[in-house]
């Protein structure tokens, strides 16, 4: 049976070129980059090369790149680091549809006395820019808004957000974990102060990410110890994974335009076929303002988990939303915020492609999904049907 993997917003396969780049640093070149002997020098050189690749990808200075253990650490480090450097400002702004690694931080901070403004979204999953403009004030320490949503793929208007926030001289952080490798990220033209990436979302291994901090941004270190990463993130650097991230970013820069177009074509083929063949299917989120690989669909009246289990039996891997909340039976906080009725939010399935996704795989899903929905509809009782 062919296995079709369409859960790339949860994690991606590690690119073969990335594995090849990492292997020497898992075997012979195992030195600590802080050591002065030849083993340490080789590791230190690899670290420098990876930082150069990351800086080239983001169009920023090498000194503005901090390597982390992933997106969650980077998001925590950005938000907490800014607040620790500005203890007098006690107001912070985010949206109700952020990834848990941002949203839960804000909820925790709210419990410690910070005043938090949670921006809502419309039925398309997009924030109201007027609400943002009204929210920011002199006492605002940081605004943290994602670039692209991990569940729906909806893109926030980052350039307009920058205009509003920076006009009031407030620090702006964006979680760009889902945007990297799918949308251009150019820090020389987009004036965000902090930006986070995660390696395993763009064909690097799990356990590595980065935090971009624009030069001059006041931020306190999140992890204190040996003074690595220019004193901004202590701990011996994970050289094999950092090398892998550098190579993955290099590959992403090379492949992004063509890969994005092909992912969009295959995504649209899949989505159009499902919507035309399954009357109870509904798209969640904006049709056009989305990253090119993501389709979030609801099947009205059915349970998303049941669809996923039956697809898995047919070798098709997808998701019901954020991987960080897998196992929870409650509807997605993103879909709830968008105002979806319970029958729709409970029946959501997210398909997320990568540059390795093939036409045959998409054709397989188009063939197998309608009978699955029909079977579940029959078991549910009401007169569900599919066309054709």
Protein backbone atom coordinates (compact mmCIF):
# COMPACT_ATOMS: atom_id res chain seq x y z
CA UNK A 1 0.00 0.00 0.00
CA UNK A 2 1.26 3.46 -0.92
CA UNK A 3 1.76 5.81 2.02
CA UNK A 4 0.67 9.39 1.36
CA UNK A 5 2.05 11.89 3.86
CA UNK A 6 0.06 15.14 3.95
CA UNK A 7 0.89 16.34 7.47
CA UNK A 8 3.84 18.57 6.66
CA UNK A 9 2.68 21.45 8.87
CA UNK A 10 3.24 19.07 11.79
CA UNK A 11 6.67 17.97 10.60
CA UNK A 12 8.51 17.30 7.36
CA UNK A 13 10.81 14.54 6.20
CA UNK A 14 14.47 15.41 6.55
CA UNK A 15 15.91 16.16 3.11
CA UNK A 16 18.58 13.67 1.96
CA UNK A 17 20.99 16.54 1.40
CA UNK A 18 20.45 17.63 4.99
CA UNK A 19 21.20 14.13 6.30
CA UNK A 20 24.41 14.06 4.26
CA UNK A 21 25.47 17.43 5.65
CA UNK A 22 24.80 16.35 9.24
CA UNK A 23 26.47 12.92 9.23
CA UNK A 24 30.12 14.03 9.62
CA UNK A 25 29.17 15.96 12.77
CA UNK A 26 27.44 12.90 14.23
CA UNK A 27 30.49 10.69 13.65
CA UNK A 28 34.04 11.99 13.22
CA UNK A 29 33.66 15.78 13.62
CA UNK A 30 32.17 15.63 17.11
CA UNK A 31 34.09 18.47 18.73
CA UNK A 32 32.73 21.22 20.95
CA UNK A 33 32.84 24.53 19.02
CA UNK A 34 34.15 26.29 22.14
CA UNK A 35 37.27 24.08 22.26
CA UNK A 36 40.49 25.44 20.81
CA UNK A 37 41.87 22.23 19.31
CA UNK A 38 41.29 21.02 15.76
CA UNK A 39 38.07 19.16 16.63
CA UNK A 40 36.64 22.31 18.17
CA UNK A 41 37.82 24.43 15.27
CA UNK A 42 36.04 22.20 12.76
CA UNK A 43 32.81 22.44 14.74
CA UNK A 44 33.21 26.19 15.13
CA UNK A 45 33.70 26.58 11.38
CA UNK A 46 30.56 24.53 10.71
CA UNK A 47 28.62 26.74 13.13
CA UNK A 48 29.83 29.87 11.36
CA UNK A 49 28.93 28.46 7.95
CA UNK A 50 25.41 27.58 9.12
CA UNK A 51 24.96 31.07 10.54
CA UNK A 52 26.05 32.54 7.21
CA UNK A 53 23.45 30.41 5.42
CA UNK A 54 20.72 31.44 7.85
CA UNK A 55 21.63 35.11 7.46
CA UNK A 56 21.59 34.77 3.67
CA UNK A 57 18.15 33.15 3.84
CA UNK A 58 16.74 35.96 5.99
CA UNK A 59 18.73 38.74 4.29
CA UNK A 60 20.09 39.84 7.65
CA UNK A 61 23.39 40.12 9.51
CA UNK A 62 24.98 36.99 10.95
CA UNK A 63 25.07 38.58 14.40
CA UNK A 64 21.27 38.85 14.30
CA UNK A 65 20.82 35.05 14.23
CA UNK A 66 20.48 33.04 17.47
CA UNK A 67 20.22 29.25 17.15
CA UNK A 68 17.68 27.58 19.46
CA UNK A 69 16.20 24.15 20.11
CA UNK A 70 13.17 24.96 17.95
CA UNK A 71 10.24 27.28 17.40
CA UNK A 72 8.77 26.95 20.89
CA UNK A 73 11.99 28.02 22.59
CA UNK A 74 12.50 30.81 20.07
CA UNK A 75 8.98 32.17 20.64
CA UNK A 76 9.40 32.03 24.42
CA UNK A 77 12.83 33.64 24.21
CA UNK A 78 11.56 36.47 22.02
CA UNK A 79 8.54 37.37 24.14
CA UNK A 80 10.05 36.87 27.57
CA UNK A 81 13.38 38.38 26.55
CA UNK A 82 11.75 41.63 25.43
CA UNK A 83 9.57 41.87 28.52
CA UNK A 84 12.51 41.26 30.86
CA UNK A 85 14.36 44.09 29.15
CA UNK A 86 11.39 46.48 29.52
CA UNK A 87 9.88 45.79 32.97
CA UNK A 88 7.99 49.09 33.00
CA UNK A 89 5.75 48.19 30.09
CA UNK A 90 2.94 45.88 31.14
CA UNK A 91 0.73 45.68 28.05
CA UNK A 92 1.18 43.06 25.32
CA UNK A 93 -0.76 42.19 22.16
CA UNK A 94 -1.31 38.95 20.27
CA UNK A 95 -4.13 37.17 18.41
CA UNK A 96 -6.54 34.44 19.46
CA UNK A 97 -5.30 32.10 16.72
CA UNK A 98 -1.59 31.95 17.57
CA UNK A 99 0.33 28.72 17.98
CA UNK A 100 0.24 27.46 21.60
CA UNK A 101 3.93 28.33 22.01
CA UNK A 102 2.85 31.99 21.81
CA UNK A 103 -0.74 31.90 23.04
CA UNK A 104 0.02 29.94 26.21
CA UNK A 105 2.91 32.28 27.04
CA UNK A 106 0.55 35.25 26.84
CA UNK A 107 -2.03 33.49 29.01
CA UNK A 108 0.67 32.77 31.58
CA UNK A 109 1.85 36.38 31.51
CA UNK A 110 -1.73 37.56 31.94
CA UNK A 111 -1.83 35.54 35.15
CA UNK A 112 1.25 37.37 36.42
CA UNK A 113 -0.24 40.82 36.00
CA UNK A 114 0.32 41.76 32.36
CA UNK A 115 -2.59 43.33 30.49
CA UNK A 116 -3.13 41.33 27.32
CA UNK A 117 -5.09 42.30 24.23
CA UNK A 118 -6.16 39.28 22.18
CA UNK A 119 -7.06 40.32 18.64
CA UNK A 120 -9.96 38.43 17.10
CA UNK A 121 -10.26 37.13 13.53
CA UNK A 122 -13.08 37.06 11.01
CA UNK A 123 -14.62 34.00 9.33
CA UNK A 124 -11.66 33.99 6.92
CA UNK A 125 -9.19 33.79 9.80
CA UNK A 126 -7.75 37.28 9.27
CA UNK A 127 -7.22 39.90 11.99
CA UNK A 128 -8.83 43.35 11.95
CA UNK A 129 -6.08 45.91 11.40
CA UNK A 130 -8.20 48.68 12.91
CA UNK A 131 -8.48 46.63 16.09
CA UNK A 132 -4.70 46.31 16.13
CA UNK A 133 -4.25 50.05 15.66
CA UNK A 134 -6.60 50.76 18.54
CA UNK A 135 -4.88 48.21 20.77
CA UNK A 136 -1.28 49.44 20.66
CA UNK A 137 -0.37 52.21 23.08
CA UNK A 138 2.61 53.81 24.82
CA UNK A 139 2.67 51.10 27.51
CA UNK A 140 2.69 48.27 24.95
CA UNK A 141 5.93 46.29 25.21
CA UNK A 142 5.52 43.89 22.31
CA UNK A 143 3.11 42.78 19.62
CA UNK A 144 3.42 39.10 18.65
CA UNK A 145 1.52 38.03 15.53
CA UNK A 146 2.16 35.00 13.36
CA UNK A 147 2.94 35.30 9.67
CA UNK A 148 0.98 32.22 8.60
CA UNK A 149 -1.42 30.09 10.63
CA UNK A 150 -0.37 26.50 11.23
CA UNK A 151 -3.93 25.10 11.00
CA UNK A 152 -5.53 27.04 8.15
CA UNK A 153 -2.48 28.41 6.34
CA UNK A 154 -4.03 31.90 6.39
CA UNK A 155 -1.43 34.64 5.93
CA UNK A 156 -1.51 37.71 8.13
CA UNK A 157 -0.78 41.02 6.28
CA UNK A 158 2.68 41.39 7.78
CA UNK A 159 3.71 44.54 5.92
CA UNK A 160 0.56 46.37 7.06
CA UNK A 161 1.07 45.09 10.59
CA UNK A 162 4.61 46.47 10.49
CA UNK A 163 3.33 49.89 9.41
CA UNK A 164 0.89 50.09 12.32
CA UNK A 165 3.16 48.75 15.04
CA UNK A 166 6.41 50.43 14.04
CA UNK A 167 4.65 53.75 13.51
CA UNK A 168 4.06 53.71 17.27
CA UNK A 169 7.65 52.59 17.97
CA UNK A 170 6.65 49.25 19.50
CA UNK A 171 8.58 45.99 19.14
CA UNK A 172 7.10 43.43 16.74
CA UNK A 173 7.66 39.68 16.89
CA UNK A 174 6.38 37.30 14.23
CA UNK A 175 6.19 33.52 14.40
CA UNK A 176 7.22 32.62 10.85
CA UNK A 177 7.54 28.88 11.47
CA UNK A 178 4.93 27.93 8.85
CA UNK A 179 5.95 30.66 6.40
CA UNK A 180 9.61 29.67 6.01
CA UNK A 181 10.24 27.87 2.76
CA UNK A 182 6.84 28.89 1.40
CA UNK A 183 6.92 32.69 1.52
CA UNK A 184 9.83 35.14 1.06
CA UNK A 185 11.42 36.28 4.32
CA UNK A 186 13.54 39.38 3.74
CA UNK A 187 14.55 41.21 6.89
CA UNK A 188 16.24 43.92 4.85
CA UNK A 189 12.83 45.12 3.63
CA UNK A 190 10.38 43.96 6.33
CA UNK A 191 10.94 45.82 9.59
CA UNK A 192 10.11 43.14 12.17
CA UNK A 193 12.25 43.15 15.30
CA UNK A 194 12.13 39.44 16.11
CA UNK A 195 11.26 36.42 13.98
CA UNK A 196 11.24 32.70 14.71
CA UNK A 197 11.83 29.63 12.54
CA UNK A 198 11.76 25.88 13.24
CA UNK A 199 13.93 23.40 11.37
CA UNK A 200 11.56 20.45 11.20
CA UNK A 201 8.95 22.45 9.29
CA UNK A 202 11.30 22.86 6.31
CA UNK A 203 13.09 19.52 5.97
CA UNK A 204 15.67 19.89 8.74
CA UNK A 205 15.55 17.67 11.84
CA UNK A 206 13.48 18.25 14.95
CA UNK A 207 15.18 20.00 17.84
CA UNK A 208 16.67 23.01 16.08
CA UNK A 209 15.39 26.47 15.17
CA UNK A 210 16.44 30.08 15.24
CA UNK A 211 15.48 33.45 16.56
CA UNK A 212 16.23 36.52 14.47
CA UNK A 213 16.80 39.63 16.61
CA UNK A 214 17.24 42.88 14.72
CA UNK A 215 20.36 44.76 15.72
CA UNK A 216 19.62 47.27 18.47
CA UNK A 217 16.61 45.37 19.86
CA UNK A 218 16.77 45.18 23.66
CA UNK A 219 16.34 41.60 24.80
CA UNK A 220 17.48 39.65 27.85
CA UNK A 221 18.83 36.09 27.45
CA UNK A 222 16.27 33.34 27.99
CA UNK A 223 18.86 30.68 28.92
CA UNK A 224 21.85 31.68 31.04
CA UNK A 225 25.05 29.68 31.43
CA UNK A 226 28.21 29.40 29.38
CA UNK A 227 27.62 32.47 27.23
CA UNK A 228 27.21 30.81 23.84
CA UNK A 229 25.49 32.66 20.97
CA UNK A 230 27.14 35.93 22.02
CA UNK A 231 25.72 35.50 25.51
CA UNK A 232 22.14 35.47 24.25
CA UNK A 233 21.45 31.71 24.44
CA UNK A 234 23.74 29.61 26.59
CA UNK A 235 24.33 25.90 26.10
CA UNK A 236 26.72 23.96 23.88
CA UNK A 237 25.51 24.40 20.33
CA UNK A 238 23.84 21.39 18.68
CA UNK A 239 26.25 21.37 15.74
CA UNK A 240 24.80 18.44 13.71
CA UNK A 241 21.30 19.90 13.82
CA UNK A 242 22.45 23.48 13.25
CA UNK A 243 24.41 22.28 10.21
CA UNK A 244 21.25 20.53 9.05
CA UNK A 245 19.20 23.68 9.49
CA UNK A 246 21.73 25.71 7.53
CA UNK A 247 21.63 23.24 4.66
CA UNK A 248 17.81 23.11 4.76
CA UNK A 249 17.60 26.89 4.56
CA UNK A 250 19.99 26.88 1.63
CA UNK A 251 17.80 24.32 -0.14
CA UNK A 252 14.63 26.24 0.71
CA UNK A 253 16.04 29.42 -0.80
CA UNK A 254 16.89 27.53 -3.96
CA UNK A 255 13.58 25.68 -4.27
CA UNK A 256 10.98 28.05 -2.79
CA UNK A 257 9.55 29.82 -5.88
CA UNK A 258 9.13 26.69 -8.00
CA UNK A 259 8.20 24.48 -5.04
CA UNK A 260 5.58 26.95 -3.85
CA UNK A 261 3.95 27.04 -7.28
CA UNK A 262 3.85 23.25 -7.52
CA UNK A 263 2.50 22.83 -3.98
CA UNK A 264 -0.22 25.37 -4.75
CA UNK A 265 -1.18 23.56 -7.94
CA UNK A 266 -1.43 20.20 -6.19
CA UNK A 267 -3.18 21.70 -3.16
CA UNK A 268 -5.77 23.36 -5.37
CA UNK A 269 -6.30 20.16 -7.35
CA UNK A 270 -6.94 18.24 -4.14
CA UNK A 271 -9.16 20.90 -2.64
CA UNK A 272 -11.22 21.50 -5.78
CA UNK A 273 -11.82 17.78 -6.21
CA UNK A 274 -12.93 17.31 -2.60
CA UNK A 275 -15.22 20.34 -2.63
CA UNK A 276 -16.82 19.28 -5.91
CA UNK A 277 -17.29 15.61 -5.00
CA UNK A 278 -18.28 15.94 -1.33
CA UNK A 279 -21.19 18.38 -0.76
CA UNK A 280 -20.68 18.51 3.01
CA UNK A 281 -17.06 19.69 2.61
CA UNK A 282 -16.31 23.32 3.45
CA UNK A 283 -13.03 25.24 3.17
CA UNK A 284 -11.82 26.91 6.35
CA UNK A 285 -9.92 30.16 5.96
CA UNK A 286 -9.22 32.59 3.16
CA UNK A 287 -9.03 31.02 -0.29
CA UNK A 288 -6.23 33.17 -1.67
CA UNK A 289 -4.32 34.61 1.29
CA UNK A 290 -2.86 31.26 2.30
CA UNK A 291 0.52 29.60 2.24
CA UNK A 292 0.56 27.39 -0.85
CA UNK A 293 0.70 24.00 0.82
CA UNK A 294 -2.23 24.07 3.24
CA UNK A 295 -5.90 23.12 2.95
CA UNK A 296 -8.15 22.95 6.00
CA UNK A 297 -11.53 21.41 5.23
CA UNK A 298 -14.52 20.59 7.41
CA UNK A 299 -16.97 17.78 6.73
CA UNK A 300 -20.22 18.95 8.26
CA UNK A 301 -21.69 16.53 10.75
CA UNK A 302 -18.76 14.09 10.77
CA UNK A 303 -15.92 13.69 13.25
CA UNK A 304 -12.52 14.70 11.92
CA UNK A 305 -10.84 12.03 14.03
CA UNK A 306 -12.96 9.31 12.41
CA UNK A 307 -12.00 10.53 8.94
CA UNK A 308 -8.33 10.58 9.91
CA UNK A 309 -8.45 7.04 11.29
CA UNK A 310 -10.09 5.66 8.15
CA UNK A 311 -7.66 7.55 5.91
CA UNK A 312 -4.79 6.15 7.95
CA UNK A 313 -6.06 2.64 7.24
CA UNK A 314 -5.75 3.51 3.55
CA UNK A 315 -2.21 4.83 4.04
CA UNK A 316 -3.12 8.53 4.01
CA UNK A 317 -1.65 10.68 6.79
CA UNK A 318 -3.23 14.04 7.56
CA UNK A 319 -4.15 15.98 10.70
CA UNK A 320 -7.10 17.42 12.57
CA UNK A 321 -5.23 20.66 13.25
CA UNK A 322 -2.22 21.55 15.36
CA UNK A 323 0.05 18.63 16.20
CA UNK A 324 0.67 20.20 19.61
CA UNK A 325 -2.95 19.58 20.57
CA UNK A 326 -3.32 16.11 19.07
CA UNK A 327 -5.36 13.88 21.34
CA UNK A 328 -7.62 16.69 22.52
CA UNK A 329 -11.26 16.07 21.63
CA UNK A 330 -12.19 19.74 21.90
CA UNK A 331 -12.56 21.75 18.67
CA UNK A 332 -9.55 23.70 17.43
CA UNK A 333 -9.14 27.08 19.12
CA UNK A 334 -8.39 28.52 15.69
CA UNK A 335 -11.63 27.31 14.13
CA UNK A 336 -13.63 28.35 17.18
CA UNK A 337 -12.15 31.84 16.93
CA UNK A 338 -13.22 31.95 13.28
CA UNK A 339 -16.80 31.34 14.37
CA UNK A 340 -17.30 27.84 12.97
CA UNK A 341 -20.30 25.93 14.26
CA UNK A 342 -19.56 22.85 16.33
CA UNK A 343 -20.56 20.48 13.53
CA UNK A 344 -17.92 22.06 11.30
CA UNK A 345 -15.13 22.60 13.81
CA UNK A 346 -15.38 18.99 15.01
CA UNK A 347 -15.17 17.70 11.46
CA UNK A 348 -12.03 19.48 10.28
CA UNK A 349 -9.11 17.86 8.49
CA UNK A 350 -5.88 19.61 7.55
CA UNK A 351 -3.96 18.52 4.47
CA UNK A 352 -0.46 20.02 4.26
CA UNK A 353 1.89 19.31 1.36
CA UNK A 354 5.64 19.60 0.89
CA UNK A 355 7.94 19.92 -2.09
CA UNK A 356 8.16 16.11 -2.07
CA UNK A 357 4.40 15.63 -2.55
CA UNK A 358 3.59 14.00 -5.90
CA UNK A 359 0.63 14.09 -8.26
CA UNK A 360 0.06 10.36 -7.78
CA UNK A 361 -0.28 10.91 -4.04
CA UNK A 362 -2.87 13.65 -4.55
CA UNK A 363 -4.77 11.45 -7.02
CA UNK A 364 -4.79 8.69 -4.41
CA UNK A 365 -6.45 10.95 -1.83
CA UNK A 366 -8.98 12.17 -4.37
CA UNK A 367 -9.88 8.54 -5.07
CA UNK A 368 -10.02 7.28 -1.48
CA UNK A 369 -11.58 10.16 0.48
CA UNK A 370 -15.12 10.32 -1.00
CA UNK A 371 -15.90 6.65 -0.18
CA UNK A 372 -14.58 7.19 3.35
CA UNK A 373 -16.88 10.17 3.87
CA UNK A 374 -19.80 8.26 2.35
CA UNK A 375 -19.21 5.31 4.67
CA UNK A 376 -19.00 7.51 7.76
CA UNK A 377 -22.12 9.37 6.68
CA UNK A 378 -24.03 6.15 6.40
CA UNK A 379 -22.87 5.12 9.86
CA UNK A 380 -23.95 8.51 11.23
CA UNK A 381 -27.52 8.04 10.07
CA UNK A 382 -28.41 11.23 8.14
CA UNK A 383 -28.51 11.09 4.36
CA UNK A 384 -24.93 12.08 3.61
CA UNK A 385 -23.80 11.63 0.05
CA UNK A 386 -21.01 12.38 -2.39
CA UNK A 387 -21.32 13.38 -6.02
CA UNK A 388 -20.31 11.10 -8.82
